[in-house]
Amino acid sequence: MKVGVLALQGDVREHISALIACGVYPTSIRRPSELAAVDALVIPGGESTTIAHLAQIFGLFQPIRARIAAGMPVYGSCAGMILLADEILDAKAGQETFGGLDITVRRNAFGRQVDSFESDINFADGSDTPIRAVFIRAPWVEKIGKDIEVLAEIDSHPVAVRSKRILATSFHPELTGDHRIHRYFIEEVARTALQKVE
């Protein structure tokens, strides 16, 4: 399985390191030809409007949207969650997303940069061990569609969700050294989805 990391802005290196720790050697994606060569994609945290703008400039926006619509497995953290959501509350004027995940998110739901925090949360991967979650100007999920599974919550707000082939978290697991989220994406989301296609 070939995994790409969208490498336009944000914590790209940290996601690459986390994937390597899981035994996957990812490709940095900056061009449509590179996107075409991968089976799955990780969209890192960063600034959602900046990533979307750069994706337009690099000719990647529509190809990413098309690949997601065609069933490519994708994981998005923080800004990546926003970019995968079908609807954004408190969006900037004209803000677009790649879409594909039937959720409504609220940008900066936990507050500004100074309100960033860490918390131990339970993640529904079958483990009893909490995950240390880092929230930086993070969104949360306000509304979920019928085929969305909630994997983690804080104060009744979903902060990790998945559909059959898309995983999204409000937080940044790539910053903690705990690779359970990346492993879950590879094994439970991406590999499962791709095996069904085969």
N, C-alpha and C. Protein backbone atom coordinates (compact mmCIF):
# COMPACT_ATOMS: atom_id res chain seq x y z
N MET A 1 0.84 -1.19 0.00
CA MET A 1 0.00 0.00 0.00
C MET A 1 0.88 1.25 0.00
N LYS A 2 0.62 2.14 -0.94
CA LYS A 2 1.38 3.38 -1.04
C LYS A 2 0.57 4.51 -0.41
N VAL A 3 1.16 5.16 0.59
CA VAL A 3 0.49 6.23 1.32
C VAL A 3 1.19 7.55 1.03
N GLY A 4 0.43 8.59 0.76
CA GLY A 4 0.99 9.92 0.55
C GLY A 4 0.62 10.83 1.70
N VAL A 5 1.46 11.84 1.93
CA VAL A 5 1.15 12.89 2.90
C VAL A 5 1.10 14.21 2.13
N LEU A 6 -0.02 14.90 2.19
CA LEU A 6 -0.15 16.18 1.50
C LEU A 6 0.86 17.16 2.10
N ALA A 7 1.81 17.60 1.30
CA ALA A 7 2.98 18.31 1.82
C ALA A 7 3.00 19.77 1.37
N LEU A 8 1.90 20.46 1.56
CA LEU A 8 1.81 21.86 1.16
C LEU A 8 2.04 22.81 2.33
N GLN A 9 1.60 22.43 3.52
CA GLN A 9 1.73 23.27 4.71
C GLN A 9 1.36 22.43 5.92
N GLY A 10 1.88 22.77 7.08
CA GLY A 10 1.51 22.07 8.30
C GLY A 10 2.55 21.07 8.74
N ASP A 11 2.15 20.17 9.65
CA ASP A 11 3.09 19.27 10.30
C ASP A 11 3.31 17.99 9.48
N VAL A 12 3.85 18.20 8.30
CA VAL A 12 4.08 17.12 7.32
C VAL A 12 5.11 16.12 7.84
N ARG A 13 6.25 16.62 8.31
CA ARG A 13 7.34 15.73 8.75
C ARG A 13 6.92 14.82 9.89
N GLU A 14 6.09 15.35 10.79
CA GLU A 14 5.65 14.56 11.93
C GLU A 14 4.76 13.40 11.49
N HIS A 15 3.90 13.65 10.51
CA HIS A 15 3.06 12.56 9.98
C HIS A 15 3.91 11.52 9.25
N ILE A 16 4.89 11.99 8.50
CA ILE A 16 5.78 11.06 7.80
C ILE A 16 6.51 10.18 8.81
N SER A 17 7.02 10.77 9.89
CA SER A 17 7.73 10.00 10.92
C SER A 17 6.81 8.98 11.57
N ALA A 18 5.56 9.38 11.86
CA ALA A 18 4.61 8.46 12.49
C ALA A 18 4.29 7.29 11.57
N LEU A 19 4.13 7.55 10.28
CA LEU A 19 3.84 6.48 9.33
C LEU A 19 5.03 5.53 9.19
N ILE A 20 6.24 6.09 9.16
CA ILE A 20 7.43 5.25 9.08
C ILE A 20 7.52 4.34 10.31
N ALA A 21 7.18 4.90 11.47
CA ALA A 21 7.19 4.09 12.71
C ALA A 21 6.18 2.94 12.64
N CYS A 22 5.17 3.08 11.77
CA CYS A 22 4.18 2.02 11.58
C CYS A 22 4.56 1.08 10.44
N GLY A 23 5.75 1.27 9.87
CA GLY A 23 6.20 0.38 8.80
C GLY A 23 5.77 0.79 7.41
N VAL A 24 5.29 2.02 7.26
CA VAL A 24 4.87 2.54 5.96
C VAL A 24 5.84 3.66 5.56
N TYR A 25 6.27 3.64 4.31
CA TYR A 25 7.22 4.67 3.84
C TYR A 25 6.51 5.58 2.85
N PRO A 26 6.00 6.71 3.37
CA PRO A 26 5.10 7.55 2.57
C PRO A 26 5.81 8.43 1.56
N THR A 27 5.01 8.95 0.64
CA THR A 27 5.45 9.90 -0.39
C THR A 27 4.91 11.27 -0.04
N SER A 28 5.74 12.31 -0.19
CA SER A 28 5.25 13.68 -0.04
C SER A 28 4.50 14.07 -1.30
N ILE A 29 3.29 14.60 -1.14
CA ILE A 29 2.43 14.92 -2.29
C ILE A 29 2.36 16.42 -2.50
N ARG A 30 2.89 16.86 -3.64
CA ARG A 30 2.83 18.27 -4.02
C ARG A 30 2.33 18.45 -5.45
N ARG A 31 2.21 17.36 -6.19
CA ARG A 31 1.80 17.43 -7.60
C ARG A 31 0.73 16.38 -7.89
N PRO A 32 -0.13 16.64 -8.88
CA PRO A 32 -1.15 15.66 -9.25
C PRO A 32 -0.57 14.30 -9.63
N SER A 33 0.59 14.28 -10.28
CA SER A 33 1.19 13.01 -10.67
C SER A 33 1.59 12.19 -9.45
N GLU A 34 2.03 12.86 -8.37
CA GLU A 34 2.39 12.15 -7.14
C GLU A 34 1.13 11.61 -6.46
N LEU A 35 0.06 12.39 -6.49
CA LEU A 35 -1.21 11.93 -5.91
C LEU A 35 -1.71 10.69 -6.65
N ALA A 36 -1.58 10.69 -7.95
CA ALA A 36 -2.07 9.58 -8.76
C ALA A 36 -1.36 8.27 -8.45
N ALA A 37 -0.16 8.36 -7.88
CA ALA A 37 0.66 7.17 -7.63
C ALA A 37 0.43 6.54 -6.27
N VAL A 38 -0.43 7.14 -5.42
CA VAL A 38 -0.64 6.59 -4.07
C VAL A 38 -2.03 5.99 -3.93
N ASP A 39 -2.16 5.09 -2.95
CA ASP A 39 -3.43 4.41 -2.67
C ASP A 39 -4.24 5.11 -1.59
N ALA A 40 -3.55 5.83 -0.70
CA ALA A 40 -4.21 6.48 0.44
C ALA A 40 -3.48 7.79 0.74
N LEU A 41 -4.16 8.69 1.46
CA LEU A 41 -3.62 10.03 1.68
C LEU A 41 -3.82 10.46 3.12
N VAL A 42 -2.81 11.16 3.67
CA VAL A 42 -2.91 11.81 4.98
C VAL A 42 -2.88 13.32 4.75
N ILE A 43 -3.84 14.02 5.34
CA ILE A 43 -3.90 15.48 5.26
C ILE A 43 -3.54 16.02 6.64
N PRO A 44 -2.40 16.69 6.77
CA PRO A 44 -1.92 17.10 8.09
C PRO A 44 -2.64 18.30 8.67
N GLY A 45 -2.40 18.51 9.96
CA GLY A 45 -2.85 19.74 10.59
C GLY A 45 -2.03 20.91 10.05
N GLY A 46 -2.55 22.09 10.24
CA GLY A 46 -1.93 23.31 9.74
C GLY A 46 -3.00 24.38 9.73
N GLU A 47 -3.12 25.10 8.63
CA GLU A 47 -4.17 26.12 8.47
C GLU A 47 -5.03 25.70 7.29
N SER A 48 -6.27 25.37 7.56
CA SER A 48 -7.13 24.77 6.53
C SER A 48 -7.30 25.65 5.30
N THR A 49 -7.46 26.96 5.49
CA THR A 49 -7.64 27.83 4.32
C THR A 49 -6.35 27.93 3.51
N THR A 50 -5.21 27.94 4.19
CA THR A 50 -3.92 27.99 3.49
C THR A 50 -3.68 26.71 2.69
N ILE A 51 -3.97 25.56 3.30
CA ILE A 51 -3.79 24.29 2.60
C ILE A 51 -4.69 24.24 1.37
N ALA A 52 -5.96 24.65 1.52
CA ALA A 52 -6.89 24.64 0.38
C ALA A 52 -6.41 25.59 -0.72
N HIS A 53 -5.92 26.77 -0.32
CA HIS A 53 -5.43 27.75 -1.30
C HIS A 53 -4.22 27.21 -2.06
N LEU A 54 -3.28 26.63 -1.32
CA LEU A 54 -2.09 26.07 -1.97
C LEU A 54 -2.46 24.87 -2.85
N ALA A 55 -3.43 24.09 -2.44
CA ALA A 55 -3.88 22.97 -3.27
C ALA A 55 -4.43 23.47 -4.60
N GLN A 56 -5.13 24.60 -4.57
CA GLN A 56 -5.60 25.21 -5.82
C GLN A 56 -4.42 25.65 -6.68
N ILE A 57 -3.45 26.32 -6.08
CA ILE A 57 -2.30 26.83 -6.82
C ILE A 57 -1.51 25.70 -7.46
N PHE A 58 -1.33 24.59 -6.73
CA PHE A 58 -0.54 23.46 -7.22
C PHE A 58 -1.36 22.50 -8.09
N GLY A 59 -2.61 22.85 -8.37
CA GLY A 59 -3.43 22.00 -9.22
C GLY A 59 -3.85 20.70 -8.57
N LEU A 60 -3.91 20.68 -7.24
CA LEU A 60 -4.23 19.46 -6.50
C LEU A 60 -5.66 19.43 -5.96
N PHE A 61 -6.31 20.58 -5.89
CA PHE A 61 -7.59 20.62 -5.18
C PHE A 61 -8.62 19.68 -5.82
N GLN A 62 -8.88 19.86 -7.10
CA GLN A 62 -9.87 19.02 -7.77
C GLN A 62 -9.44 17.56 -7.85
N PRO A 63 -8.15 17.26 -8.14
CA PRO A 63 -7.74 15.85 -8.13
C PRO A 63 -7.93 15.17 -6.77
N ILE A 64 -7.63 15.88 -5.67
CA ILE A 64 -7.86 15.30 -4.34
C ILE A 64 -9.34 15.07 -4.12
N ARG A 65 -10.14 16.07 -4.43
CA ARG A 65 -11.60 15.93 -4.27
C ARG A 65 -12.12 14.75 -5.08
N ALA A 66 -11.63 14.60 -6.30
CA ALA A 66 -12.08 13.51 -7.17
C ALA A 66 -11.65 12.15 -6.63
N ARG A 67 -10.41 12.04 -6.15
CA ARG A 67 -9.93 10.77 -5.60
C ARG A 67 -10.72 10.37 -4.34
N ILE A 68 -11.02 11.34 -3.49
CA ILE A 68 -11.81 11.05 -2.30
C ILE A 68 -13.20 10.57 -2.71
N ALA A 69 -13.81 11.26 -3.65
CA ALA A 69 -15.15 10.87 -4.12
C ALA A 69 -15.13 9.48 -4.75
N ALA A 70 -13.99 9.10 -5.33
CA ALA A 70 -13.86 7.79 -5.96
C ALA A 70 -13.52 6.68 -4.96
N GLY A 71 -13.30 7.04 -3.69
CA GLY A 71 -13.10 6.03 -2.68
C GLY A 71 -11.71 5.90 -2.09
N MET A 72 -10.80 6.83 -2.39
CA MET A 72 -9.46 6.74 -1.82
C MET A 72 -9.53 6.90 -0.30
N PRO A 73 -8.89 6.00 0.47
CA PRO A 73 -8.84 6.16 1.93
C PRO A 73 -8.03 7.41 2.32
N VAL A 74 -8.54 8.16 3.29
CA VAL A 74 -7.91 9.41 3.70
C VAL A 74 -7.98 9.55 5.22
N TYR A 75 -6.91 10.09 5.81
CA TYR A 75 -6.91 10.48 7.22
C TYR A 75 -6.56 11.96 7.30
N GLY A 76 -7.35 12.72 8.05
CA GLY A 76 -7.07 14.14 8.26
C GLY A 76 -7.03 14.48 9.73
N SER A 77 -5.97 15.18 10.17
CA SER A 77 -5.88 15.63 11.56
C SER A 77 -6.06 17.14 11.62
N CYS A 78 -6.90 17.61 12.53
CA CYS A 78 -7.15 19.03 12.80
C CYS A 78 -7.60 19.76 11.54
N ALA A 79 -6.71 20.51 10.88
CA ALA A 79 -7.09 21.16 9.62
C ALA A 79 -7.53 20.13 8.60
N GLY A 80 -6.94 18.94 8.66
CA GLY A 80 -7.34 17.86 7.76
C GLY A 80 -8.79 17.46 7.99
N MET A 81 -9.24 17.46 9.25
CA MET A 81 -10.65 17.18 9.53
C MET A 81 -11.54 18.23 8.89
N ILE A 82 -11.16 19.49 9.02
CA ILE A 82 -11.94 20.58 8.43
C ILE A 82 -12.03 20.40 6.91
N LEU A 83 -10.90 20.05 6.29
CA LEU A 83 -10.86 19.91 4.83
C LEU A 83 -11.63 18.70 4.33
N LEU A 84 -11.88 17.72 5.19
CA LEU A 84 -12.64 16.54 4.79
C LEU A 84 -14.14 16.69 5.07
N ALA A 85 -14.50 17.66 5.90
CA ALA A 85 -15.91 17.85 6.27
C ALA A 85 -16.72 18.37 5.09
N ASP A 86 -17.97 17.91 5.01
CA ASP A 86 -18.86 18.41 3.97
C ASP A 86 -19.38 19.81 4.28
N GLU A 87 -19.35 20.18 5.58
CA GLU A 87 -19.86 21.51 5.98
C GLU A 87 -19.03 22.07 7.11
N ILE A 88 -18.77 23.39 7.06
CA ILE A 88 -17.98 24.08 8.09
C ILE A 88 -18.83 25.20 8.69
N LEU A 89 -18.87 25.25 10.02
CA LEU A 89 -19.43 26.40 10.71
C LEU A 89 -18.30 27.37 11.02
N ASP A 90 -18.59 28.67 10.99
CA ASP A 90 -17.57 29.71 11.20
C ASP A 90 -16.49 29.67 10.12
N ALA A 91 -16.87 29.27 8.91
CA ALA A 91 -15.91 29.23 7.81
C ALA A 91 -15.57 30.65 7.37
N LYS A 92 -14.36 30.80 6.83
CA LYS A 92 -14.01 32.06 6.20
C LYS A 92 -14.79 32.20 4.90
N ALA A 93 -15.00 33.42 4.46
CA ALA A 93 -15.77 33.65 3.23
C ALA A 93 -15.14 32.89 2.07
N GLY A 94 -15.94 32.11 1.37
CA GLY A 94 -15.46 31.38 0.21
C GLY A 94 -14.65 30.14 0.51
N GLN A 95 -14.56 29.75 1.79
CA GLN A 95 -13.74 28.59 2.15
C GLN A 95 -14.35 27.31 1.58
N GLU A 96 -13.51 26.53 0.90
CA GLU A 96 -13.93 25.27 0.31
C GLU A 96 -13.23 24.10 0.99
N THR A 97 -13.83 22.93 0.87
CA THR A 97 -13.22 21.71 1.41
C THR A 97 -13.14 20.65 0.32
N PHE A 98 -12.31 19.65 0.58
CA PHE A 98 -12.28 18.49 -0.32
C PHE A 98 -13.56 17.68 -0.15
N GLY A 99 -14.12 17.70 1.05
CA GLY A 99 -15.35 16.98 1.33
C GLY A 99 -15.15 15.48 1.37
N GLY A 100 -16.27 14.78 1.46
CA GLY A 100 -16.25 13.33 1.49
C GLY A 100 -16.69 12.73 2.81
N LEU A 101 -16.62 13.53 3.89
CA LEU A 101 -16.99 13.05 5.21
C LEU A 101 -18.27 13.79 5.62
N ASP A 102 -19.33 13.03 5.88
CA ASP A 102 -20.65 13.60 6.15
C ASP A 102 -20.74 14.11 7.58
N ILE A 103 -19.98 15.19 7.83
CA ILE A 103 -19.98 15.83 9.15
C ILE A 103 -20.03 17.35 8.98
N THR A 104 -20.47 18.02 10.04
CA THR A 104 -20.38 19.48 10.13
C THR A 104 -19.39 19.78 11.25
N VAL A 105 -18.35 20.56 10.94
CA VAL A 105 -17.35 20.91 11.95
C VAL A 105 -17.41 22.40 12.27
N ARG A 106 -16.96 22.73 13.47
CA ARG A 106 -16.82 24.13 13.87
C ARG A 106 -15.34 24.45 14.00
N ARG A 107 -14.87 25.40 13.22
CA ARG A 107 -13.47 25.81 13.27
C ARG A 107 -13.15 26.45 14.62
N ASN A 108 -11.92 26.22 15.10
CA ASN A 108 -11.44 26.84 16.35
C ASN A 108 -12.45 26.68 17.49
N ALA A 109 -13.08 25.50 17.55
CA ALA A 109 -14.17 25.29 18.50
C ALA A 109 -13.71 25.39 19.96
N PHE A 110 -12.47 25.00 20.22
CA PHE A 110 -11.96 25.02 21.60
C PHE A 110 -11.32 26.36 21.96
N GLY A 111 -11.28 27.31 21.01
CA GLY A 111 -10.69 28.61 21.28
C GLY A 111 -9.48 28.90 20.42
N ARG A 112 -8.79 29.96 20.77
CA ARG A 112 -7.65 30.43 19.99
C ARG A 112 -6.38 29.66 20.37
N GLN A 113 -5.26 30.08 19.79
CA GLN A 113 -3.98 29.40 20.01
C GLN A 113 -3.64 29.30 21.51
N VAL A 114 -3.94 30.36 22.26
CA VAL A 114 -3.62 30.36 23.70
C VAL A 114 -4.47 29.36 24.48
N ASP A 115 -5.56 28.88 23.87
CA ASP A 115 -6.44 27.92 24.53
C ASP A 115 -6.08 26.48 24.18
N SER A 116 -4.97 26.29 23.48
CA SER A 116 -4.53 24.93 23.13
C SER A 116 -4.29 24.12 24.40
N PHE A 117 -4.53 22.81 24.32
CA PHE A 117 -4.40 21.98 25.52
C PHE A 117 -4.15 20.53 25.13
N GLU A 118 -3.78 19.72 26.13
CA GLU A 118 -3.63 18.28 25.96
C GLU A 118 -4.57 17.58 26.91
N SER A 119 -5.04 16.40 26.49
CA SER A 119 -5.96 15.64 27.33
C SER A 119 -5.83 14.16 27.00
N ASP A 120 -6.02 13.31 28.00
CA ASP A 120 -6.09 11.86 27.76
C ASP A 120 -7.53 11.51 27.41
N ILE A 121 -7.71 10.88 26.26
CA ILE A 121 -9.06 10.52 25.81
C ILE A 121 -9.11 9.04 25.45
N ASN A 122 -10.30 8.49 25.53
CA ASN A 122 -10.51 7.11 25.12
C ASN A 122 -10.80 7.08 23.63
N PHE A 123 -10.09 6.20 22.93
CA PHE A 123 -10.25 6.04 21.48
C PHE A 123 -10.76 4.63 21.21
N ALA A 124 -11.82 4.52 20.43
CA ALA A 124 -12.51 3.23 20.25
C ALA A 124 -11.77 2.33 19.25
N ASP A 125 -10.58 1.89 19.66
CA ASP A 125 -9.82 0.96 18.82
C ASP A 125 -9.66 -0.39 19.51
N GLY A 126 -10.42 -0.60 20.58
CA GLY A 126 -10.34 -1.86 21.30
C GLY A 126 -9.36 -1.87 22.45
N SER A 127 -8.62 -0.76 22.63
CA SER A 127 -7.64 -0.67 23.71
C SER A 127 -8.26 0.03 24.92
N ASP A 128 -7.81 -0.38 26.11
CA ASP A 128 -8.25 0.27 27.34
C ASP A 128 -7.36 1.45 27.72
N THR A 129 -6.26 1.61 26.98
CA THR A 129 -5.30 2.67 27.29
C THR A 129 -5.70 3.97 26.60
N PRO A 130 -5.87 5.07 27.35
CA PRO A 130 -6.22 6.35 26.72
C PRO A 130 -5.11 6.84 25.79
N ILE A 131 -5.51 7.68 24.88
CA ILE A 131 -4.57 8.34 23.97
C ILE A 131 -4.36 9.77 24.46
N ARG A 132 -3.09 10.22 24.44
CA ARG A 132 -2.80 11.62 24.76
C ARG A 132 -3.09 12.45 23.51
N ALA A 133 -4.05 13.36 23.62
CA ALA A 133 -4.48 14.14 22.46
C ALA A 133 -4.05 15.60 22.63
N VAL A 134 -3.45 16.15 21.58
CA VAL A 134 -2.99 17.53 21.56
C VAL A 134 -3.95 18.34 20.69
N PHE A 135 -4.59 19.34 21.30
CA PHE A 135 -5.57 20.17 20.60
C PHE A 135 -4.98 21.57 20.41
N ILE A 136 -4.82 21.99 19.16
CA ILE A 136 -4.25 23.31 18.83
C ILE A 136 -5.22 24.03 17.90
N ARG A 137 -5.93 25.03 18.41
CA ARG A 137 -6.96 25.74 17.63
C ARG A 137 -7.84 24.73 16.91
N ALA A 138 -8.28 23.74 17.65
CA ALA A 138 -8.89 22.55 17.06
C ALA A 138 -10.38 22.74 16.77
N PRO A 139 -10.86 22.03 15.74
CA PRO A 139 -12.30 21.97 15.51
C PRO A 139 -12.94 20.89 16.39
N TRP A 140 -14.25 20.87 16.42
CA TRP A 140 -14.96 19.69 16.89
C TRP A 140 -16.10 19.44 15.92
N VAL A 141 -16.71 18.28 16.05
CA VAL A 141 -17.80 17.90 15.16
C VAL A 141 -19.12 18.29 15.80
N GLU A 142 -19.89 19.10 15.10
CA GLU A 142 -21.19 19.55 15.61
C GLU A 142 -22.32 18.60 15.18
N LYS A 143 -22.18 18.00 14.00
CA LYS A 143 -23.25 17.15 13.49
C LYS A 143 -22.63 16.03 12.67
N ILE A 144 -23.17 14.83 12.81
CA ILE A 144 -22.67 13.69 12.04
C ILE A 144 -23.78 13.11 11.18
N GLY A 145 -23.37 12.55 10.03
CA GLY A 145 -24.31 11.87 9.16
C GLY A 145 -24.57 10.46 9.64
N LYS A 146 -25.47 9.77 8.95
CA LYS A 146 -25.93 8.46 9.43
C LYS A 146 -24.87 7.37 9.35
N ASP A 147 -23.88 7.52 8.47
CA ASP A 147 -22.86 6.48 8.30
C ASP A 147 -21.54 6.82 8.99
N ILE A 148 -21.58 7.76 9.92
CA ILE A 148 -20.37 8.20 10.62
C ILE A 148 -20.29 7.53 11.99
N GLU A 149 -19.13 6.97 12.29
CA GLU A 149 -18.87 6.35 13.59
C GLU A 149 -18.03 7.30 14.45
N VAL A 150 -18.47 7.57 15.66
CA VAL A 150 -17.71 8.41 16.59
C VAL A 150 -16.74 7.52 17.35
N LEU A 151 -15.44 7.87 17.28
CA LEU A 151 -14.39 7.08 17.91
C LEU A 151 -13.87 7.69 19.21
N ALA A 152 -14.07 9.00 19.39
CA ALA A 152 -13.61 9.67 20.62
C ALA A 152 -14.40 10.97 20.79
N GLU A 153 -14.60 11.34 22.06
CA GLU A 153 -15.34 12.56 22.38
C GLU A 153 -14.67 13.30 23.53
N ILE A 154 -14.90 14.60 23.58
CA ILE A 154 -14.59 15.42 24.76
C ILE A 154 -15.82 16.25 25.07
N ASP A 155 -16.31 16.14 26.30
CA ASP A 155 -17.51 16.89 26.71
C ASP A 155 -18.66 16.74 25.72
N SER A 156 -18.87 15.51 25.29
CA SER A 156 -19.96 15.15 24.36
C SER A 156 -19.77 15.68 22.95
N HIS A 157 -18.61 16.25 22.66
CA HIS A 157 -18.32 16.68 21.29
C HIS A 157 -17.42 15.65 20.62
N PRO A 158 -17.82 15.09 19.47
CA PRO A 158 -16.94 14.15 18.77
C PRO A 158 -15.64 14.83 18.33
N VAL A 159 -14.51 14.18 18.61
CA VAL A 159 -13.19 14.70 18.20
C VAL A 159 -12.42 13.68 17.36
N ALA A 160 -13.00 12.50 17.15
CA ALA A 160 -12.45 11.51 16.22
C ALA A 160 -13.61 10.76 15.61
N VAL A 161 -13.67 10.75 14.29
CA VAL A 161 -14.78 10.10 13.58
C VAL A 161 -14.25 9.36 12.37
N ARG A 162 -15.06 8.42 11.88
CA ARG A 162 -14.69 7.73 10.64
C ARG A 162 -15.93 7.35 9.86
N SER A 163 -15.75 7.27 8.57
CA SER A 163 -16.69 6.58 7.70
C SER A 163 -15.97 5.29 7.31
N LYS A 164 -16.46 4.58 6.31
CA LYS A 164 -15.81 3.33 5.93
C LYS A 164 -14.36 3.54 5.50
N ARG A 165 -14.08 4.64 4.80
CA ARG A 165 -12.74 4.83 4.24
C ARG A 165 -12.09 6.16 4.60
N ILE A 166 -12.71 6.93 5.50
CA ILE A 166 -12.15 8.23 5.89
C ILE A 166 -12.10 8.30 7.41
N LEU A 167 -10.93 8.71 7.93
CA LEU A 167 -10.72 8.92 9.36
C LEU A 167 -10.34 10.37 9.58
N ALA A 168 -10.88 10.98 10.64
CA ALA A 168 -10.53 12.37 10.95
C ALA A 168 -10.47 12.56 12.46
N THR A 169 -9.47 13.33 12.91
CA THR A 169 -9.34 13.68 14.32
C THR A 169 -9.18 15.19 14.47
N SER A 170 -9.76 15.73 15.55
CA SER A 170 -9.59 17.15 15.87
C SER A 170 -8.18 17.43 16.37
N PHE A 171 -7.55 16.40 16.90
CA PHE A 171 -6.27 16.55 17.59
C PHE A 171 -5.12 16.05 16.71
N HIS A 172 -3.90 16.18 17.25
CA HIS A 172 -2.66 15.92 16.52
C HIS A 172 -1.92 14.72 17.10
N PRO A 173 -2.26 13.49 16.71
CA PRO A 173 -1.53 12.34 17.26
C PRO A 173 -0.08 12.26 16.78
N GLU A 174 0.21 12.94 15.70
CA GLU A 174 1.59 12.93 15.17
C GLU A 174 2.57 13.66 16.08
N LEU A 175 2.07 14.40 17.07
CA LEU A 175 2.95 15.18 17.94
C LEU A 175 3.29 14.47 19.25
N THR A 176 2.76 13.27 19.47
CA THR A 176 2.88 12.66 20.79
C THR A 176 3.82 11.47 20.86
N GLY A 177 4.15 10.87 19.72
CA GLY A 177 4.95 9.64 19.76
C GLY A 177 4.11 8.38 19.93
N ASP A 178 2.80 8.54 20.12
CA ASP A 178 1.87 7.41 20.19
C ASP A 178 1.29 7.23 18.78
N HIS A 179 1.57 6.10 18.16
CA HIS A 179 1.22 5.92 16.74
C HIS A 179 -0.04 5.10 16.54
N ARG A 180 -0.87 4.97 17.57
CA ARG A 180 -2.07 4.15 17.45
C ARG A 180 -3.05 4.66 16.40
N ILE A 181 -3.19 5.98 16.28
CA ILE A 181 -4.13 6.54 15.31
C ILE A 181 -3.65 6.23 13.89
N HIS A 182 -2.37 6.44 13.63
CA HIS A 182 -1.83 6.14 12.30
C HIS A 182 -1.94 4.66 11.98
N ARG A 183 -1.66 3.82 13.00
CA ARG A 183 -1.78 2.37 12.79
C ARG A 183 -3.23 1.99 12.53
N TYR A 184 -4.16 2.62 13.24
CA TYR A 184 -5.58 2.36 13.03
C TYR A 184 -5.97 2.75 11.61
N PHE A 185 -5.49 3.90 11.15
CA PHE A 185 -5.79 4.32 9.78
C PHE A 185 -5.27 3.31 8.76
N ILE A 186 -4.03 2.89 8.94
CA ILE A 186 -3.43 1.96 7.98
C ILE A 186 -4.16 0.62 7.99
N GLU A 187 -4.34 0.05 9.19
CA GLU A 187 -4.86 -1.32 9.29
C GLU A 187 -6.38 -1.42 9.19
N GLU A 188 -7.09 -0.51 9.88
CA GLU A 188 -8.54 -0.65 9.98
C GLU A 188 -9.31 0.13 8.91
N VAL A 189 -8.72 1.23 8.44
CA VAL A 189 -9.43 2.06 7.46
C VAL A 189 -8.90 1.82 6.05
N ALA A 190 -7.63 2.15 5.82
CA ALA A 190 -7.09 2.10 4.47
C ALA A 190 -6.97 0.67 3.94
N ARG A 191 -6.31 -0.21 4.69
CA ARG A 191 -6.09 -1.57 4.18
C ARG A 191 -7.42 -2.30 3.98
N THR A 192 -8.35 -2.12 4.91
CA THR A 192 -9.66 -2.76 4.79
C THR A 192 -10.40 -2.26 3.56
N ALA A 193 -10.38 -0.95 3.33
CA ALA A 193 -11.06 -0.37 2.17
C ALA A 193 -10.46 -0.85 0.88
N LEU A 194 -9.13 -0.90 0.83
CA LEU A 194 -8.45 -1.30 -0.40
C LEU A 194 -8.64 -2.80 -0.68
N GLN A 195 -8.70 -3.62 0.34
CA GLN A 195 -8.92 -5.05 0.14
C GLN A 195 -10.31 -5.30 -0.42
N LYS A 196 -11.29 -4.50 -0.01
CA LYS A 196 -12.64 -4.67 -0.54
C LYS A 196 -12.70 -4.30 -2.02
N VAL A 197 -11.90 -3.32 -2.43
CA VAL A 197 -11.84 -2.92 -3.85
C VAL A 197 -11.24 -4.05 -4.67
N GLU A 198 -10.17 -4.68 -4.15
CA GLU A 198 -9.51 -5.76 -4.87
C GLU A 198 -10.45 -6.94 -5.02
